[in-house]
Amino acid sequence: MNLLLLTLGIAIGFFVAKLDSGKKEGKEGSIRALKFKTKKYTIHLHHWFMASLIIILLISLKFYNEFIYGILIGLITQGLTYKDFYKIFYKK
């Protein structure tokens, strides 16, 4: 494993997410959040959640690249810094 590439990827993923995401919980960043609305609920697919799904997909496909995994881990780490990171489903 190339620890340098992994660490570089984590740093880049974290800081890109920090720059492009909302500055506070509930605020939109330069990249809009993926939200789906039903009659009663809003489903918010946070960037940390989507990055987690991508990691699972890549592992299942037996794809491994330290830099790409680092970027995804950086995205996940930054996303978990928000107080509302766990709110995926919420009432309108």
PDB file of N, CA and C in Angstrom:
ATOM      1  N   MET A   1       0.843  -1.170   0.000  1.00  0.00           N
ATOM      2  CA  MET A   1       0.000   0.000   0.000  1.00  0.00           C
ATOM      3  C   MET A   1       0.892   1.238   0.000  1.00  0.00           C
ATOM      4  N   ASN A   2       0.507   2.201  -0.803  1.00  0.00           N
ATOM      5  CA  ASN A   2       1.254   3.443  -0.873  1.00  0.00           C
ATOM      6  C   ASN A   2       0.611   4.452   0.075  1.00  0.00           C
ATOM      7  N   LEU A   3       1.184   4.604   1.256  1.00  0.00           N
ATOM      8  CA  LEU A   3       0.642   5.473   2.296  1.00  0.00           C
ATOM      9  C   LEU A   3       0.662   6.939   1.887  1.00  0.00           C
ATOM     10  N   LEU A   4       1.642   7.331   1.107  1.00  0.00           N
ATOM     11  CA  LEU A   4       1.730   8.721   0.654  1.00  0.00           C
ATOM     12  C   LEU A   4       0.539   9.076  -0.245  1.00  0.00           C
ATOM     13  N   LEU A   5       0.222   8.203  -1.213  1.00  0.00           N
ATOM     14  CA  LEU A   5      -0.926   8.456  -2.093  1.00  0.00           C
ATOM     15  C   LEU A   5      -2.234   8.466  -1.324  1.00  0.00           C
ATOM     16  N   LEU A   6      -2.376   7.558  -0.364  1.00  0.00           N
ATOM     17  CA  LEU A   6      -3.590   7.511   0.458  1.00  0.00           C
ATOM     18  C   LEU A   6      -3.743   8.806   1.251  1.00  0.00           C
ATOM     19  N   THR A   7      -2.681   9.250   1.889  1.00  0.00           N
ATOM     20  CA  THR A   7      -2.713  10.468   2.701  1.00  0.00           C
ATOM     21  C   THR A   7      -2.973  11.698   1.838  1.00  0.00           C
ATOM     22  N   LEU A   8      -2.332  11.763   0.691  1.00  0.00           N
ATOM     23  CA  LEU A   8      -2.557  12.874  -0.230  1.00  0.00           C
ATOM     24  C   LEU A   8      -4.017  12.897  -0.694  1.00  0.00           C
ATOM     25  N   GLY A   9      -4.557  11.748  -1.014  1.00  0.00           N
ATOM     26  CA  GLY A   9      -5.960  11.653  -1.428  1.00  0.00           C
ATOM     27  C   GLY A   9      -6.910  12.090  -0.329  1.00  0.00           C
ATOM     28  N   ILE A  10      -6.640  11.678   0.908  1.00  0.00           N
ATOM     29  CA  ILE A  10      -7.489  12.078   2.038  1.00  0.00           C
ATOM     30  C   ILE A  10      -7.478  13.597   2.185  1.00  0.00           C
ATOM     31  N   ALA A  11      -6.291  14.191   2.135  1.00  0.00           N
ATOM     32  CA  ALA A  11      -6.182  15.648   2.289  1.00  0.00           C
ATOM     33  C   ALA A  11      -6.922  16.372   1.167  1.00  0.00           C
ATOM     34  N   ILE A  12      -6.750  15.932  -0.061  1.00  0.00           N
ATOM     35  CA  ILE A  12      -7.420  16.576  -1.195  1.00  0.00           C
ATOM     36  C   ILE A  12      -8.930  16.410  -1.089  1.00  0.00           C
ATOM     37  N   GLY A  13      -9.393  15.195  -0.790  1.00  0.00           N
ATOM     38  CA  GLY A  13     -10.830  14.956  -0.650  1.00  0.00           C
ATOM     39  C   GLY A  13     -11.453  15.800   0.437  1.00  0.00           C
ATOM     40  N   PHE A  14     -10.774  15.895   1.578  1.00  0.00           N
ATOM     41  CA  PHE A  14     -11.286  16.674   2.701  1.00  0.00           C
ATOM     42  C   PHE A  14     -11.385  18.155   2.337  1.00  0.00           C
ATOM     43  N   PHE A  15     -10.330  18.715   1.777  1.00  0.00           N
ATOM     44  CA  PHE A  15     -10.312  20.150   1.509  1.00  0.00           C
ATOM     45  C   PHE A  15     -11.193  20.545   0.324  1.00  0.00           C
ATOM     46  N   VAL A  16     -11.319  19.687  -0.672  1.00  0.00           N
ATOM     47  CA  VAL A  16     -12.246  19.979  -1.769  1.00  0.00           C
ATOM     48  C   VAL A  16     -13.681  19.972  -1.242  1.00  0.00           C
ATOM     49  N   ALA A  17     -14.010  18.995  -0.418  1.00  0.00           N
ATOM     50  CA  ALA A  17     -15.353  18.957   0.169  1.00  0.00           C
ATOM     51  C   ALA A  17     -15.585  20.168   1.064  1.00  0.00           C
ATOM     52  N   LYS A  18     -14.579  20.556   1.806  1.00  0.00           N
ATOM     53  CA  LYS A  18     -14.688  21.724   2.692  1.00  0.00           C
ATOM     54  C   LYS A  18     -14.949  22.992   1.881  1.00  0.00           C
ATOM     55  N   LEU A  19     -14.275  23.149   0.757  1.00  0.00           N
ATOM     56  CA  LEU A  19     -14.447  24.332  -0.080  1.00  0.00           C
ATOM     57  C   LEU A  19     -15.789  24.349  -0.814  1.00  0.00           C
ATOM     58  N   ASP A  20     -16.260  23.184  -1.258  1.00  0.00           N
ATOM     59  CA  ASP A  20     -17.457  23.117  -2.098  1.00  0.00           C
ATOM     60  C   ASP A  20     -18.749  22.873  -1.341  1.00  0.00           C
ATOM     61  N   SER A  21     -18.655  22.479  -0.085  1.00  0.00           N
ATOM     62  CA  SER A  21     -19.856  22.190   0.701  1.00  0.00           C
ATOM     63  C   SER A  21     -20.336  23.441   1.412  1.00  0.00           C
ATOM     64  N   GLY A  22     -21.548  23.345   1.962  1.00  0.00           N
ATOM     65  CA  GLY A  22     -22.095  24.474   2.713  1.00  0.00           C
ATOM     66  C   GLY A  22     -21.251  24.781   3.936  1.00  0.00           C
ATOM     67  N   LYS A  23     -21.200  26.033   4.306  1.00  0.00           N
ATOM     68  CA  LYS A  23     -20.372  26.440   5.440  1.00  0.00           C
ATOM     69  C   LYS A  23     -20.981  26.031   6.782  1.00  0.00           C
ATOM     70  N   LYS A  24     -22.301  25.848   6.810  1.00  0.00           N
ATOM     71  CA  LYS A  24     -23.000  25.406   8.015  1.00  0.00           C
ATOM     72  C   LYS A  24     -24.005  24.338   7.629  1.00  0.00           C
ATOM     73  N   GLU A  25     -24.540  23.673   8.624  1.00  0.00           N
ATOM     74  CA  GLU A  25     -25.580  22.697   8.393  1.00  0.00           C
ATOM     75  C   GLU A  25     -26.777  23.384   7.744  1.00  0.00           C
ATOM     76  N   GLY A  26     -27.323  22.755   6.707  1.00  0.00           N
ATOM     77  CA  GLY A  26     -28.496  23.297   6.041  1.00  0.00           C
ATOM     78  C   GLY A  26     -28.210  24.332   4.969  1.00  0.00           C
ATOM     79  N   LYS A  27     -26.970  24.757   4.826  1.00  0.00           N
ATOM     80  CA  LYS A  27     -26.600  25.746   3.803  1.00  0.00           C
ATOM     81  C   LYS A  27     -26.050  25.027   2.575  1.00  0.00           C
ATOM     82  N   GLU A  28     -26.447  25.504   1.411  1.00  0.00           N
ATOM     83  CA  GLU A  28     -25.959  24.915   0.165  1.00  0.00           C
ATOM     84  C   GLU A  28     -24.551  25.415  -0.134  1.00  0.00           C
ATOM     85  N   GLY A  29     -23.742  24.550  -0.680  1.00  0.00           N
ATOM     86  CA  GLY A  29     -22.418  24.941  -1.132  1.00  0.00           C
ATOM     87  C   GLY A  29     -22.444  25.187  -2.626  1.00  0.00           C
ATOM     88  N   SER A  30     -21.279  25.213  -3.237  1.00  0.00           N
ATOM     89  CA  SER A  30     -21.222  25.436  -4.681  1.00  0.00           C
ATOM     90  C   SER A  30     -21.735  24.221  -5.450  1.00  0.00           C
ATOM     91  N   ILE A  31     -21.702  23.068  -4.821  1.00  0.00           N
ATOM     92  CA  ILE A  31     -22.294  21.864  -5.413  1.00  0.00           C
ATOM     93  C   ILE A  31     -23.569  21.568  -4.639  1.00  0.00           C
ATOM     94  N   ARG A  32     -24.682  21.549  -5.346  1.00  0.00           N
ATOM     95  CA  ARG A  32     -25.976  21.341  -4.686  1.00  0.00           C
ATOM     96  C   ARG A  32     -26.093  19.925  -4.127  1.00  0.00           C
ATOM     97  N   ALA A  33     -26.770  19.819  -3.005  1.00  0.00           N
ATOM     98  CA  ALA A  33     -27.000  18.523  -2.370  1.00  0.00           C
ATOM     99  C   ALA A  33     -28.039  17.740  -3.163  1.00  0.00           C
ATOM    100  N   LEU A  34     -27.940  16.428  -3.112  1.00  0.00           N
ATOM    101  CA  LEU A  34     -28.951  15.581  -3.739  1.00  0.00           C
ATOM    102  C   LEU A  34     -30.082  15.360  -2.743  1.00  0.00           C
ATOM    103  N   LYS A  35     -31.227  15.949  -3.033  1.00  0.00           N
ATOM    104  CA  LYS A  35     -32.392  15.811  -2.169  1.00  0.00           C
ATOM    105  C   LYS A  35     -33.568  15.378  -3.017  1.00  0.00           C
ATOM    106  N   PHE A  36     -34.301  14.403  -2.479  1.00  0.00           N
ATOM    107  CA  PHE A  36     -35.496  13.905  -3.130  1.00  0.00           C
ATOM    108  C   PHE A  36     -36.664  14.116  -2.189  1.00  0.00           C
ATOM    109  N   LYS A  37     -37.771  14.586  -2.735  1.00  0.00           N
ATOM    110  CA  LYS A  37     -38.921  14.881  -1.894  1.00  0.00           C
ATOM    111  C   LYS A  37     -40.059  13.924  -2.215  1.00  0.00           C
ATOM    112  N   THR A  38     -40.676  13.418  -1.168  1.00  0.00           N
ATOM    113  CA  THR A  38     -41.897  12.646  -1.297  1.00  0.00           C
ATOM    114  C   THR A  38     -43.008  13.489  -0.678  1.00  0.00           C
ATOM    115  N   LYS A  39     -44.181  12.925  -0.540  1.00  0.00           N
ATOM    116  CA  LYS A  39     -45.277  13.694   0.049  1.00  0.00           C
ATOM    117  C   LYS A  39     -44.987  14.097   1.487  1.00  0.00           C
ATOM    118  N   LYS A  40     -44.347  13.201   2.242  1.00  0.00           N
ATOM    119  CA  LYS A  40     -44.131  13.466   3.665  1.00  0.00           C
ATOM    120  C   LYS A  40     -42.679  13.732   4.047  1.00  0.00           C
ATOM    121  N   TYR A  41     -41.752  13.238   3.249  1.00  0.00           N
ATOM    122  CA  TYR A  41     -40.351  13.279   3.663  1.00  0.00           C
ATOM    123  C   TYR A  41     -39.442  13.892   2.604  1.00  0.00           C
ATOM    124  N   THR A  42     -38.306  14.356   3.066  1.00  0.00           N
ATOM    125  CA  THR A  42     -37.203  14.734   2.195  1.00  0.00           C
ATOM    126  C   THR A  42     -36.074  13.750   2.473  1.00  0.00           C
ATOM    127  N   ILE A  43     -35.482  13.226   1.415  1.00  0.00           N
ATOM    128  CA  ILE A  43     -34.353  12.300   1.527  1.00  0.00           C
ATOM    129  C   ILE A  43     -33.120  13.057   1.059  1.00  0.00           C
ATOM    130  N   HIS A  44     -32.166  13.205   1.961  1.00  0.00           N
ATOM    131  CA  HIS A  44     -30.936  13.955   1.672  1.00  0.00           C
ATOM    132  C   HIS A  44     -29.780  12.973   1.577  1.00  0.00           C
ATOM    133  N   LEU A  45     -29.252  12.823   0.378  1.00  0.00           N
ATOM    134  CA  LEU A  45     -28.106  11.937   0.177  1.00  0.00           C
ATOM    135  C   LEU A  45     -26.828  12.766   0.348  1.00  0.00           C
ATOM    136  N   HIS A  46     -26.327  12.772   1.563  1.00  0.00           N
ATOM    137  CA  HIS A  46     -25.120  13.530   1.907  1.00  0.00           C
ATOM    138  C   HIS A  46     -23.921  13.020   1.105  1.00  0.00           C
ATOM    139  N   HIS A  47     -22.928  13.899   0.910  1.00  0.00           N
ATOM    140  CA  HIS A  47     -21.747  13.487   0.141  1.00  0.00           C
ATOM    141  C   HIS A  47     -20.970  12.387   0.852  1.00  0.00           C
ATOM    142  N   TRP A  48     -20.990  12.369   2.176  1.00  0.00           N
ATOM    143  CA  TRP A  48     -20.284  11.303   2.894  1.00  0.00           C
ATOM    144  C   TRP A  48     -20.972   9.961   2.649  1.00  0.00           C
ATOM    145  N   PHE A  49     -22.296   9.987   2.532  1.00  0.00           N
ATOM    146  CA  PHE A  49     -23.073   8.764   2.308  1.00  0.00           C
ATOM    147  C   PHE A  49     -22.803   8.217   0.900  1.00  0.00           C
ATOM    148  N   MET A  50     -22.812   9.113  -0.077  1.00  0.00           N
ATOM    149  CA  MET A  50     -22.549   8.678  -1.454  1.00  0.00           C
ATOM    150  C   MET A  50     -21.118   8.169  -1.610  1.00  0.00           C
ATOM    151  N   ALA A  51     -20.147   8.833  -0.964  1.00  0.00           N
ATOM    152  CA  ALA A  51     -18.759   8.365  -1.026  1.00  0.00           C
ATOM    153  C   ALA A  51     -18.626   6.981  -0.390  1.00  0.00           C
ATOM    154  N   SER A  52     -19.386   6.745   0.670  1.00  0.00           N
ATOM    155  CA  SER A  52     -19.374   5.421   1.315  1.00  0.00           C
ATOM    156  C   SER A  52     -19.905   4.355   0.368  1.00  0.00           C
ATOM    157  N   LEU A  53     -20.993   4.674  -0.331  1.00  0.00           N
ATOM    158  CA  LEU A  53     -21.553   3.721  -1.300  1.00  0.00           C
ATOM    159  C   LEU A  53     -20.569   3.447  -2.435  1.00  0.00           C
ATOM    160  N   ILE A  54     -19.854   4.472  -2.867  1.00  0.00           N
ATOM    161  CA  ILE A  54     -18.866   4.293  -3.938  1.00  0.00           C
ATOM    162  C   ILE A  54     -17.730   3.391  -3.468  1.00  0.00           C
ATOM    163  N   ILE A  55     -17.280   3.569  -2.228  1.00  0.00           N
ATOM    164  CA  ILE A  55     -16.230   2.686  -1.697  1.00  0.00           C
ATOM    165  C   ILE A  55     -16.713   1.240  -1.671  1.00  0.00           C
ATOM    166  N   ILE A  56     -17.935   1.032  -1.210  1.00  0.00           N
ATOM    167  CA  ILE A  56     -18.493  -0.329  -1.171  1.00  0.00           C
ATOM    168  C   ILE A  56     -18.547  -0.916  -2.577  1.00  0.00           C
ATOM    169  N   LEU A  57     -18.987  -0.114  -3.543  1.00  0.00           N
ATOM    170  CA  LEU A  57     -19.050  -0.577  -4.930  1.00  0.00           C
ATOM    171  C   LEU A  57     -17.657  -0.931  -5.448  1.00  0.00           C
ATOM    172  N   LEU A  58     -16.674  -0.068  -5.217  1.00  0.00           N
ATOM    173  CA  LEU A  58     -15.318  -0.333  -5.700  1.00  0.00           C
ATOM    174  C   LEU A  58     -14.724  -1.584  -5.069  1.00  0.00           C
ATOM    175  N   ILE A  59     -14.980  -1.777  -3.779  1.00  0.00           N
ATOM    176  CA  ILE A  59     -14.487  -2.993  -3.116  1.00  0.00           C
ATOM    177  C   ILE A  59     -15.139  -4.224  -3.736  1.00  0.00           C
ATOM    178  N   SER A  60     -16.463  -4.133  -3.980  1.00  0.00           N
ATOM    179  CA  SER A  60     -17.159  -5.291  -4.556  1.00  0.00           C
ATOM    180  C   SER A  60     -16.672  -5.593  -5.977  1.00  0.00           C
ATOM    181  N   LEU A  61     -16.196  -4.566  -6.674  1.00  0.00           N
ATOM    182  CA  LEU A  61     -15.648  -4.768  -8.019  1.00  0.00           C
ATOM    183  C   LEU A  61     -14.162  -5.131  -8.004  1.00  0.00           C
ATOM    184  N   LYS A  62     -13.606  -5.249  -6.779  1.00  0.00           N
ATOM    185  CA  LYS A  62     -12.194  -5.578  -6.584  1.00  0.00           C
ATOM    186  C   LYS A  62     -11.265  -4.543  -7.237  1.00  0.00           C
ATOM    187  N   PHE A  63     -11.694  -3.289  -7.180  1.00  0.00           N
ATOM    188  CA  PHE A  63     -10.890  -2.178  -7.687  1.00  0.00           C
ATOM    189  C   PHE A  63     -10.181  -1.551  -6.505  1.00  0.00           C
ATOM    190  N   TYR A  64      -8.887  -1.317  -6.641  1.00  0.00           N
ATOM    191  CA  TYR A  64      -8.164  -0.688  -5.547  1.00  0.00           C
ATOM    192  C   TYR A  64      -7.159   0.317  -6.075  1.00  0.00           C
ATOM    193  N   ASN A  65      -7.287   1.533  -5.601  1.00  0.00           N
ATOM    194  CA  ASN A  65      -6.365   2.609  -5.930  1.00  0.00           C
ATOM    195  C   ASN A  65      -6.271   3.481  -4.687  1.00  0.00           C
ATOM    196  N   GLU A  66      -5.099   3.560  -4.098  1.00  0.00           N
ATOM    197  CA  GLU A  66      -4.923   4.284  -2.833  1.00  0.00           C
ATOM    198  C   GLU A  66      -5.362   5.740  -2.933  1.00  0.00           C
ATOM    199  N   PHE A  67      -5.045   6.387  -4.029  1.00  0.00           N
ATOM    200  CA  PHE A  67      -5.392   7.805  -4.178  1.00  0.00           C
ATOM    201  C   PHE A  67      -6.905   8.004  -4.229  1.00  0.00           C
ATOM    202  N   ILE A  68      -7.592   7.191  -5.010  1.00  0.00           N
ATOM    203  CA  ILE A  68      -9.056   7.311  -5.116  1.00  0.00           C
ATOM    204  C   ILE A  68      -9.717   6.981  -3.789  1.00  0.00           C
ATOM    205  N   TYR A  69      -9.268   5.933  -3.130  1.00  0.00           N
ATOM    206  CA  TYR A  69      -9.821   5.607  -1.810  1.00  0.00           C
ATOM    207  C   TYR A  69      -9.541   6.745  -0.821  1.00  0.00           C
ATOM    208  N   GLY A  70      -8.378   7.350  -0.924  1.00  0.00           N
ATOM    209  CA  GLY A  70      -8.054   8.477  -0.052  1.00  0.00           C
ATOM    210  C   GLY A  70      -9.005   9.639  -0.261  1.00  0.00           C
ATOM    211  N   ILE A  71      -9.264   9.976  -1.523  1.00  0.00           N
ATOM    212  CA  ILE A  71     -10.207  11.067  -1.812  1.00  0.00           C
ATOM    213  C   ILE A  71     -11.578  10.756  -1.206  1.00  0.00           C
ATOM    214  N   LEU A  72     -12.048   9.545  -1.387  1.00  0.00           N
ATOM    215  CA  LEU A  72     -13.355   9.159  -0.852  1.00  0.00           C
ATOM    216  C   LEU A  72     -13.367   9.198   0.677  1.00  0.00           C
ATOM    217  N   ILE A  73     -12.295   8.749   1.303  1.00  0.00           N
ATOM    218  CA  ILE A  73     -12.204   8.804   2.773  1.00  0.00           C
ATOM    219  C   ILE A  73     -12.188  10.255   3.241  1.00  0.00           C
ATOM    220  N   GLY A  74     -11.510  11.134   2.511  1.00  0.00           N
ATOM    221  CA  GLY A  74     -11.510  12.556   2.839  1.00  0.00           C
ATOM    222  C   GLY A  74     -12.897  13.160   2.748  1.00  0.00           C
ATOM    223  N   LEU A  75     -13.655  12.787   1.707  1.00  0.00           N
ATOM    224  CA  LEU A  75     -15.032  13.257   1.568  1.00  0.00           C
ATOM    225  C   LEU A  75     -15.904  12.780   2.725  1.00  0.00           C
ATOM    226  N   ILE A  76     -15.739  11.527   3.099  1.00  0.00           N
ATOM    227  CA  ILE A  76     -16.514  10.966   4.208  1.00  0.00           C
ATOM    228  C   ILE A  76     -16.167  11.681   5.507  1.00  0.00           C
ATOM    229  N   THR A  77     -14.885  11.837   5.771  1.00  0.00           N
ATOM    230  CA  THR A  77     -14.427  12.470   7.008  1.00  0.00           C
ATOM    231  C   THR A  77     -14.964  13.891   7.132  1.00  0.00           C
ATOM    232  N   GLN A  78     -14.869  14.657   6.048  1.00  0.00           N
ATOM    233  CA  GLN A  78     -15.363  16.031   6.099  1.00  0.00           C
ATOM    234  C   GLN A  78     -16.877  16.066   6.300  1.00  0.00           C
ATOM    235  N   GLY A  79     -17.593  15.178   5.635  1.00  0.00           N
ATOM    236  CA  GLY A  79     -19.046  15.147   5.764  1.00  0.00           C
ATOM    237  C   GLY A  79     -19.515  14.825   7.169  1.00  0.00           C
ATOM    238  N   LEU A  80     -18.738  14.028   7.883  1.00  0.00           N
ATOM    239  CA  LEU A  80     -19.112  13.653   9.248  1.00  0.00           C
ATOM    240  C   LEU A  80     -18.824  14.759  10.259  1.00  0.00           C
ATOM    241  N   THR A  81     -18.249  15.877   9.825  1.00  0.00           N
ATOM    242  CA  THR A  81     -17.999  16.993  10.744  1.00  0.00           C
ATOM    243  C   THR A  81     -19.247  17.844  10.970  1.00  0.00           C
ATOM    244  N   TYR A  82     -20.274  17.674  10.153  1.00  0.00           N
ATOM    245  CA  TYR A  82     -21.515  18.435  10.323  1.00  0.00           C
ATOM    246  C   TYR A  82     -22.361  17.836  11.447  1.00  0.00           C
ATOM    247  N   LYS A  83     -23.044  18.699  12.173  1.00  0.00           N
ATOM    248  CA  LYS A  83     -23.895  18.222  13.272  1.00  0.00           C
ATOM    249  C   LYS A  83     -25.076  17.403  12.771  1.00  0.00           C
ATOM    250  N   ASP A  84     -25.528  17.646  11.555  1.00  0.00           N
ATOM    251  CA  ASP A  84     -26.699  16.937  11.032  1.00  0.00           C
ATOM    252  C   ASP A  84     -26.323  15.822  10.054  1.00  0.00           C
ATOM    253  N   PHE A  85     -25.110  15.302  10.165  1.00  0.00           N
ATOM    254  CA  PHE A  85     -24.646  14.297   9.212  1.00  0.00           C
ATOM    255  C   PHE A  85     -25.526  13.056   9.174  1.00  0.00           C
ATOM    256  N   TYR A  86     -26.208  12.754  10.255  1.00  0.00           N
ATOM    257  CA  TYR A  86     -27.002  11.536  10.358  1.00  0.00           C
ATOM    258  C   TYR A  86     -28.427  11.708   9.822  1.00  0.00           C
ATOM    259  N   LYS A  87     -28.830  12.922   9.506  1.00  0.00           N
ATOM    260  CA  LYS A  87     -30.198  13.176   9.048  1.00  0.00           C
ATOM    261  C   LYS A  87     -30.305  12.922   7.547  1.00  0.00           C
ATOM    262  N   ILE A  88     -30.774  11.751   7.213  1.00  0.00           N
ATOM    263  CA  ILE A  88     -30.961  11.380   5.820  1.00  0.00           C
ATOM    264  C   ILE A  88     -32.444  11.512   5.456  1.00  0.00           C
ATOM    265  N   PHE A  89     -33.324  11.064   6.340  1.00  0.00           N
ATOM    266  CA  PHE A  89     -34.759  11.196   6.147  1.00  0.00           C
ATOM    267  C   PHE A  89     -35.291  12.195   7.159  1.00  0.00           C
ATOM    268  N   TYR A  90     -36.058  13.165   6.696  1.00  0.00           N
ATOM    269  CA  TYR A  90     -36.696  14.075   7.631  1.00  0.00           C
ATOM    270  C   TYR A  90     -38.014  14.559   7.040  1.00  0.00           C
ATOM    271  N   LYS A  91     -38.952  14.898   7.947  1.00  0.00           N
ATOM    272  CA  LYS A  91     -40.262  15.351   7.525  1.00  0.00           C
ATOM    273  C   LYS A  91     -40.173  16.743   6.950  1.00  0.00           C
ATOM    274  N   LYS A  92     -41.039  17.015   5.999  1.00  0.00           N
ATOM    275  CA  LYS A  92     -41.065  18.352   5.367  1.00  0.00           C
ATOM    276  C   LYS A  92     -41.476  19.408   6.349  1.00  0.00           C
TER     277      LYS A  92
END
